[in-house]
Amino acid sequence: MPTYKIHLHKEQEGGYTVIVPVLPGCITYGENVDEAIEMAKEAIELYIEELQDRGEFVPDDSNTLEYSLELDGV
């Protein structure tokens, strides 16, 4: 089963914007974290379906390592 990392960004006006970095342009929104995750699942499924329909390569994050770095003094 493919793996996809998602980034949830809390919006000032409320809710969360979700970005799927490995799928360019795959962006969605949810009123809360749970809804944002559900919307991300749906967006990823639709994105993959579109790639498959066009016979294109379907990327995933199964071979991606992710780190968070904190920089001093920045």
PDB file of N, CA and C in Angstrom:
ATOM      1  N   MET A   1       0.846  -1.189   0.000  1.00  0.00           N
ATOM      2  CA  MET A   1       0.000   0.000   0.000  1.00  0.00           C
ATOM      3  C   MET A   1       0.888   1.248   0.000  1.00  0.00           C
ATOM      4  N   PRO A   2       0.652   2.175  -0.912  1.00  0.00           N
ATOM      5  CA  PRO A   2       1.482   3.385  -0.978  1.00  0.00           C
ATOM      6  C   PRO A   2       1.304   4.271   0.258  1.00  0.00           C
ATOM      7  N   THR A   3       2.344   5.022   0.548  1.00  0.00           N
ATOM      8  CA  THR A   3       2.352   5.929   1.693  1.00  0.00           C
ATOM      9  C   THR A   3       2.429   7.366   1.199  1.00  0.00           C
ATOM     10  N   TYR A   4       1.669   8.248   1.828  1.00  0.00           N
ATOM     11  CA  TYR A   4       1.678   9.663   1.470  1.00  0.00           C
ATOM     12  C   TYR A   4       1.771  10.515   2.716  1.00  0.00           C
ATOM     13  N   LYS A   5       2.764  11.395   2.734  1.00  0.00           N
ATOM     14  CA  LYS A   5       2.891  12.354   3.821  1.00  0.00           C
ATOM     15  C   LYS A   5       2.018  13.559   3.486  1.00  0.00           C
ATOM     16  N   ILE A   6       1.380  14.092   4.495  1.00  0.00           N
ATOM     17  CA  ILE A   6       0.578  15.296   4.302  1.00  0.00           C
ATOM     18  C   ILE A   6       1.048  16.352   5.291  1.00  0.00           C
ATOM     19  N   HIS A   7       0.941  17.607   4.886  1.00  0.00           N
ATOM     20  CA  HIS A   7       1.252  18.727   5.757  1.00  0.00           C
ATOM     21  C   HIS A   7      -0.033  19.493   6.016  1.00  0.00           C
ATOM     22  N   LEU A   8      -0.360  19.674   7.283  1.00  0.00           N
ATOM     23  CA  LEU A   8      -1.536  20.441   7.669  1.00  0.00           C
ATOM     24  C   LEU A   8      -1.076  21.790   8.185  1.00  0.00           C
ATOM     25  N   HIS A   9      -1.599  22.840   7.597  1.00  0.00           N
ATOM     26  CA  HIS A   9      -1.256  24.209   7.980  1.00  0.00           C
ATOM     27  C   HIS A   9      -2.496  24.866   8.577  1.00  0.00           C
ATOM     28  N   LYS A  10      -2.405  25.237   9.854  1.00  0.00           N
ATOM     29  CA  LYS A  10      -3.532  25.898  10.511  1.00  0.00           C
ATOM     30  C   LYS A  10      -3.681  27.300   9.943  1.00  0.00           C
ATOM     31  N   GLU A  11      -4.891  27.626   9.516  1.00  0.00           N
ATOM     32  CA  GLU A  11      -5.180  28.936   8.922  1.00  0.00           C
ATOM     33  C   GLU A  11      -5.631  29.924   9.990  1.00  0.00           C
ATOM     34  N   GLN A  12      -5.279  31.183   9.828  1.00  0.00           N
ATOM     35  CA  GLN A  12      -5.656  32.215  10.798  1.00  0.00           C
ATOM     36  C   GLN A  12      -7.172  32.325  10.953  1.00  0.00           C
ATOM     37  N   GLU A  13      -7.881  32.164   9.851  1.00  0.00           N
ATOM     38  CA  GLU A  13      -9.339  32.287   9.888  1.00  0.00           C
ATOM     39  C   GLU A  13     -10.018  31.006  10.361  1.00  0.00           C
ATOM     40  N   GLY A  14      -9.208  29.984  10.642  1.00  0.00           N
ATOM     41  CA  GLY A  14      -9.747  28.705  11.110  1.00  0.00           C
ATOM     42  C   GLY A  14      -9.583  27.629  10.055  1.00  0.00           C
ATOM     43  N   GLY A  15      -9.591  26.413  10.509  1.00  0.00           N
ATOM     44  CA  GLY A  15      -9.465  25.287   9.610  1.00  0.00           C
ATOM     45  C   GLY A  15      -8.023  25.009   9.244  1.00  0.00           C
ATOM     46  N   TYR A  16      -7.839  24.004   8.376  1.00  0.00           N
ATOM     47  CA  TYR A  16      -6.516  23.552   7.994  1.00  0.00           C
ATOM     48  C   TYR A  16      -6.426  23.343   6.495  1.00  0.00           C
ATOM     49  N   THR A  17      -5.380  23.890   5.900  1.00  0.00           N
ATOM     50  CA  THR A  17      -5.055  23.603   4.517  1.00  0.00           C
ATOM     51  C   THR A  17      -4.121  22.401   4.523  1.00  0.00           C
ATOM     52  N   VAL A  18      -4.370  21.464   3.621  1.00  0.00           N
ATOM     53  CA  VAL A  18      -3.568  20.244   3.543  1.00  0.00           C
ATOM     54  C   VAL A  18      -2.852  20.201   2.201  1.00  0.00           C
ATOM     55  N   ILE A  19      -1.551  19.928   2.262  1.00  0.00           N
ATOM     56  CA  ILE A  19      -0.726  19.801   1.061  1.00  0.00           C
ATOM     57  C   ILE A  19      -0.123  18.402   1.054  1.00  0.00           C
ATOM     58  N   VAL A  20      -0.110  17.786  -0.123  1.00  0.00           N
ATOM     59  CA  VAL A  20       0.530  16.482  -0.310  1.00  0.00           C
ATOM     60  C   VAL A  20       1.781  16.749  -1.153  1.00  0.00           C
ATOM     61  N   PRO A  21       2.946  16.887  -0.499  1.00  0.00           N
ATOM     62  CA  PRO A  21       4.146  17.337  -1.215  1.00  0.00           C
ATOM     63  C   PRO A  21       4.545  16.499  -2.424  1.00  0.00           C
ATOM     64  N   VAL A  22       4.381  15.194  -2.373  1.00  0.00           N
ATOM     65  CA  VAL A  22       4.816  14.341  -3.485  1.00  0.00           C
ATOM     66  C   VAL A  22       3.857  14.400  -4.681  1.00  0.00           C
ATOM     67  N   LEU A  23       2.680  14.989  -4.485  1.00  0.00           N
ATOM     68  CA  LEU A  23       1.689  15.117  -5.559  1.00  0.00           C
ATOM     69  C   LEU A  23       1.465  16.604  -5.842  1.00  0.00           C
ATOM     70  N   PRO A  24       2.227  17.196  -6.746  1.00  0.00           N
ATOM     71  CA  PRO A  24       2.123  18.631  -7.016  1.00  0.00           C
ATOM     72  C   PRO A  24       0.689  19.070  -7.313  1.00  0.00           C
ATOM     73  N   GLY A  25       0.251  20.101  -6.613  1.00  0.00           N
ATOM     74  CA  GLY A  25      -1.089  20.631  -6.826  1.00  0.00           C
ATOM     75  C   GLY A  25      -2.172  19.907  -6.055  1.00  0.00           C
ATOM     76  N   CYS A  26      -1.814  18.879  -5.307  1.00  0.00           N
ATOM     77  CA  CYS A  26      -2.806  18.156  -4.501  1.00  0.00           C
ATOM     78  C   CYS A  26      -2.942  18.873  -3.168  1.00  0.00           C
ATOM     79  N   ILE A  27      -3.936  19.748  -3.104  1.00  0.00           N
ATOM     80  CA  ILE A  27      -4.177  20.610  -1.945  1.00  0.00           C
ATOM     81  C   ILE A  27      -5.656  20.553  -1.612  1.00  0.00           C
ATOM     82  N   THR A  28      -5.970  20.500  -0.323  1.00  0.00           N
ATOM     83  CA  THR A  28      -7.361  20.492   0.093  1.00  0.00           C
ATOM     84  C   THR A  28      -7.480  21.228   1.422  1.00  0.00           C
ATOM     85  N   TYR A  29      -8.662  21.196   2.024  1.00  0.00           N
ATOM     86  CA  TYR A  29      -8.944  21.977   3.225  1.00  0.00           C
ATOM     87  C   TYR A  29      -9.951  21.233   4.084  1.00  0.00           C
ATOM     88  N   GLY A  30      -9.831  21.402   5.396  1.00  0.00           N
ATOM     89  CA  GLY A  30     -10.820  20.863   6.319  1.00  0.00           C
ATOM     90  C   GLY A  30     -11.042  21.819   7.469  1.00  0.00           C
ATOM     91  N   GLU A  31     -12.243  21.806   8.015  1.00  0.00           N
ATOM     92  CA  GLU A  31     -12.590  22.695   9.132  1.00  0.00           C
ATOM     93  C   GLU A  31     -11.838  22.337  10.415  1.00  0.00           C
ATOM     94  N   ASN A  32     -11.462  21.060  10.559  1.00  0.00           N
ATOM     95  CA  ASN A  32     -10.698  20.610  11.727  1.00  0.00           C
ATOM     96  C   ASN A  32      -9.715  19.534  11.247  1.00  0.00           C
ATOM     97  N   VAL A  33      -8.871  19.048  12.161  1.00  0.00           N
ATOM     98  CA  VAL A  33      -7.836  18.089  11.768  1.00  0.00           C
ATOM     99  C   VAL A  33      -8.446  16.821  11.175  1.00  0.00           C
ATOM    100  N   ASP A  34      -9.468  16.275  11.825  1.00  0.00           N
ATOM    101  CA  ASP A  34     -10.075  15.041  11.324  1.00  0.00           C
ATOM    102  C   ASP A  34     -10.655  15.217   9.928  1.00  0.00           C
ATOM    103  N   GLU A  35     -11.364  16.314   9.710  1.00  0.00           N
ATOM    104  CA  GLU A  35     -11.939  16.570   8.389  1.00  0.00           C
ATOM    105  C   GLU A  35     -10.835  16.802   7.362  1.00  0.00           C
ATOM    106  N   ALA A  36      -9.778  17.501   7.755  1.00  0.00           N
ATOM    107  CA  ALA A  36      -8.666  17.761   6.837  1.00  0.00           C
ATOM    108  C   ALA A  36      -8.025  16.457   6.391  1.00  0.00           C
ATOM    109  N   ILE A  37      -7.860  15.512   7.313  1.00  0.00           N
ATOM    110  CA  ILE A  37      -7.272  14.215   6.971  1.00  0.00           C
ATOM    111  C   ILE A  37      -8.191  13.447   6.028  1.00  0.00           C
ATOM    112  N   GLU A  38      -9.484  13.450   6.305  1.00  0.00           N
ATOM    113  CA  GLU A  38     -10.437  12.761   5.415  1.00  0.00           C
ATOM    114  C   GLU A  38     -10.447  13.386   4.028  1.00  0.00           C
ATOM    115  N   MET A  39     -10.394  14.715   3.978  1.00  0.00           N
ATOM    116  CA  MET A  39     -10.370  15.399   2.688  1.00  0.00           C
ATOM    117  C   MET A  39      -9.077  15.079   1.940  1.00  0.00           C
ATOM    118  N   ALA A  40      -7.967  14.943   2.675  1.00  0.00           N
ATOM    119  CA  ALA A  40      -6.694  14.592   2.050  1.00  0.00           C
ATOM    120  C   ALA A  40      -6.766  13.202   1.433  1.00  0.00           C
ATOM    121  N   LYS A  41      -7.368  12.253   2.147  1.00  0.00           N
ATOM    122  CA  LYS A  41      -7.518  10.899   1.602  1.00  0.00           C
ATOM    123  C   LYS A  41      -8.282  10.933   0.284  1.00  0.00           C
ATOM    124  N   GLU A  42      -9.371  11.673   0.278  1.00  0.00           N
ATOM    125  CA  GLU A  42     -10.190  11.769  -0.936  1.00  0.00           C
ATOM    126  C   GLU A  42      -9.417  12.436  -2.071  1.00  0.00           C
ATOM    127  N   ALA A  43      -8.703  13.519  -1.751  1.00  0.00           N
ATOM    128  CA  ALA A  43      -7.939  14.233  -2.775  1.00  0.00           C
ATOM    129  C   ALA A  43      -6.845  13.347  -3.359  1.00  0.00           C
ATOM    130  N   ILE A  44      -6.153  12.580  -2.501  1.00  0.00           N
ATOM    131  CA  ILE A  44      -5.097  11.682  -2.969  1.00  0.00           C
ATOM    132  C   ILE A  44      -5.682  10.609  -3.878  1.00  0.00           C
ATOM    133  N   GLU A  45      -6.798  10.018  -3.474  1.00  0.00           N
ATOM    134  CA  GLU A  45      -7.432   8.985  -4.296  1.00  0.00           C
ATOM    135  C   GLU A  45      -7.816   9.520  -5.671  1.00  0.00           C
ATOM    136  N   LEU A  46      -8.404  10.707  -5.719  1.00  0.00           N
ATOM    137  CA  LEU A  46      -8.796  11.308  -6.997  1.00  0.00           C
ATOM    138  C   LEU A  46      -7.576  11.647  -7.847  1.00  0.00           C
ATOM    139  N   TYR A  47      -6.538  12.145  -7.219  1.00  0.00           N
ATOM    140  CA  TYR A  47      -5.308  12.490  -7.920  1.00  0.00           C
ATOM    141  C   TYR A  47      -4.701  11.247  -8.563  1.00  0.00           C
ATOM    142  N   ILE A  48      -4.597  10.175  -7.772  1.00  0.00           N
ATOM    143  CA  ILE A  48      -4.039   8.913  -8.279  1.00  0.00           C
ATOM    144  C   ILE A  48      -4.890   8.359  -9.413  1.00  0.00           C
ATOM    145  N   GLU A  49      -6.198   8.411  -9.253  1.00  0.00           N
ATOM    146  CA  GLU A  49      -7.102   7.925 -10.293  1.00  0.00           C
ATOM    147  C   GLU A  49      -6.864   8.671 -11.605  1.00  0.00           C
ATOM    148  N   GLU A  50      -6.685   9.980 -11.517  1.00  0.00           N
ATOM    149  CA  GLU A  50      -6.435  10.792 -12.714  1.00  0.00           C
ATOM    150  C   GLU A  50      -5.108  10.397 -13.363  1.00  0.00           C
ATOM    151  N   LEU A  51      -4.056  10.216 -12.559  1.00  0.00           N
ATOM    152  CA  LEU A  51      -2.768   9.790 -13.116  1.00  0.00           C
ATOM    153  C   LEU A  51      -2.893   8.436 -13.807  1.00  0.00           C
ATOM    154  N   GLN A  52      -3.574   7.505 -13.166  1.00  0.00           N
ATOM    155  CA  GLN A  52      -3.750   6.172 -13.743  1.00  0.00           C
ATOM    156  C   GLN A  52      -4.540   6.230 -15.039  1.00  0.00           C
ATOM    157  N   ASP A  53      -5.586   7.052 -15.080  1.00  0.00           N
ATOM    158  CA  ASP A  53      -6.392   7.191 -16.299  1.00  0.00           C
ATOM    159  C   ASP A  53      -5.560   7.701 -17.469  1.00  0.00           C
ATOM    160  N   ARG A  54      -4.565   8.535 -17.157  1.00  0.00           N
ATOM    161  CA  ARG A  54      -3.702   9.094 -18.199  1.00  0.00           C
ATOM    162  C   ARG A  54      -2.469   8.226 -18.456  1.00  0.00           C
ATOM    163  N   GLY A  55      -2.355   7.109 -17.717  1.00  0.00           N
ATOM    164  CA  GLY A  55      -1.222   6.213 -17.898  1.00  0.00           C
ATOM    165  C   GLY A  55       0.086   6.768 -17.376  1.00  0.00           C
ATOM    166  N   GLU A  56       0.005   7.694 -16.434  1.00  0.00           N
ATOM    167  CA  GLU A  56       1.209   8.324 -15.897  1.00  0.00           C
ATOM    168  C   GLU A  56       1.694   7.606 -14.631  1.00  0.00           C
ATOM    169  N   PHE A  57       2.950   7.829 -14.295  1.00  0.00           N
ATOM    170  CA  PHE A  57       3.566   7.276 -13.098  1.00  0.00           C
ATOM    171  C   PHE A  57       2.880   7.841 -11.851  1.00  0.00           C
ATOM    172  N   VAL A  58       2.635   6.976 -10.868  1.00  0.00           N
ATOM    173  CA  VAL A  58       2.006   7.390  -9.605  1.00  0.00           C
ATOM    174  C   VAL A  58       3.078   7.386  -8.516  1.00  0.00           C
ATOM    175  N   PRO A  59       3.550   8.583  -8.101  1.00  0.00           N
ATOM    176  CA  PRO A  59       4.568   8.644  -7.061  1.00  0.00           C
ATOM    177  C   PRO A  59       3.974   8.398  -5.679  1.00  0.00           C
ATOM    178  N   ASP A  60       4.832   8.009  -4.738  1.00  0.00           N
ATOM    179  CA  ASP A  60       4.420   7.924  -3.337  1.00  0.00           C
ATOM    180  C   ASP A  60       5.635   8.214  -2.460  1.00  0.00           C
ATOM    181  N   ASP A  61       5.431   8.215  -1.153  1.00  0.00           N
ATOM    182  CA  ASP A  61       6.488   8.561  -0.205  1.00  0.00           C
ATOM    183  C   ASP A  61       7.130   7.347   0.441  1.00  0.00           C
ATOM    184  N   SER A  62       6.969   6.157  -0.137  1.00  0.00           N
ATOM    185  CA  SER A  62       7.464   4.951   0.516  1.00  0.00           C
ATOM    186  C   SER A  62       8.984   4.947   0.672  1.00  0.00           C
ATOM    187  N   ASN A  63       9.710   5.685  -0.158  1.00  0.00           N
ATOM    188  CA  ASN A  63      11.168   5.741  -0.055  1.00  0.00           C
ATOM    189  C   ASN A  63      11.666   7.111   0.389  1.00  0.00           C
ATOM    190  N   THR A  64      10.796   7.888   1.027  1.00  0.00           N
ATOM    191  CA  THR A  64      11.151   9.233   1.451  1.00  0.00           C
ATOM    192  C   THR A  64      11.425   9.261   2.945  1.00  0.00           C
ATOM    193  N   LEU A  65      12.522   9.888   3.315  1.00  0.00           N
ATOM    194  CA  LEU A  65      12.815  10.145   4.720  1.00  0.00           C
ATOM    195  C   LEU A  65      12.481  11.596   4.998  1.00  0.00           C
ATOM    196  N   GLU A  66      11.966  11.857   6.172  1.00  0.00           N
ATOM    197  CA  GLU A  66      11.581  13.232   6.503  1.00  0.00           C
ATOM    198  C   GLU A  66      12.178  13.614   7.846  1.00  0.00           C
ATOM    199  N   TYR A  67      12.758  14.801   7.887  1.00  0.00           N
ATOM    200  CA  TYR A  67      13.349  15.342   9.107  1.00  0.00           C
ATOM    201  C   TYR A  67      12.840  16.753   9.319  1.00  0.00           C
ATOM    202  N   SER A  68      12.770  17.155  10.567  1.00  0.00           N
ATOM    203  CA  SER A  68      12.474  18.542  10.909  1.00  0.00           C
ATOM    204  C   SER A  68      13.736  19.128  11.530  1.00  0.00           C
ATOM    205  N   LEU A  69      14.164  20.255  11.016  1.00  0.00           N
ATOM    206  CA  LEU A  69      15.367  20.910  11.509  1.00  0.00           C
ATOM    207  C   LEU A  69      15.004  22.211  12.184  1.00  0.00           C
ATOM    208  N   GLU A  70      15.617  22.469  13.310  1.00  0.00           N
ATOM    209  CA  GLU A  70      15.453  23.739  14.015  1.00  0.00           C
ATOM    210  C   GLU A  70      16.774  24.475  13.919  1.00  0.00           C
ATOM    211  N   LEU A  71      16.747  25.702  13.401  1.00  0.00           N
ATOM    212  CA  LEU A  71      17.955  26.483  13.215  1.00  0.00           C
ATOM    213  C   LEU A  71      18.062  27.522  14.325  1.00  0.00           C
ATOM    214  N   ASP A  72      19.206  27.591  14.948  1.00  0.00           N
ATOM    215  CA  ASP A  72      19.446  28.583  15.993  1.00  0.00           C
ATOM    216  C   ASP A  72      19.676  29.944  15.366  1.00  0.00           C
ATOM    217  N   GLY A  73      19.097  30.973  15.968  1.00  0.00           N
ATOM    218  CA  GLY A  73      19.363  32.340  15.553  1.00  0.00           C
ATOM    219  C   GLY A  73      18.715  32.775  14.266  1.00  0.00           C
ATOM    220  N   VAL A  74      17.765  32.020  13.771  1.00  0.00           N
ATOM    221  CA  VAL A  74      17.104  32.408  12.505  1.00  0.00           C
ATOM    222  C   VAL A  74      15.710  32.891  12.807  1.00  0.00           C
TER     223      VAL A  74
END
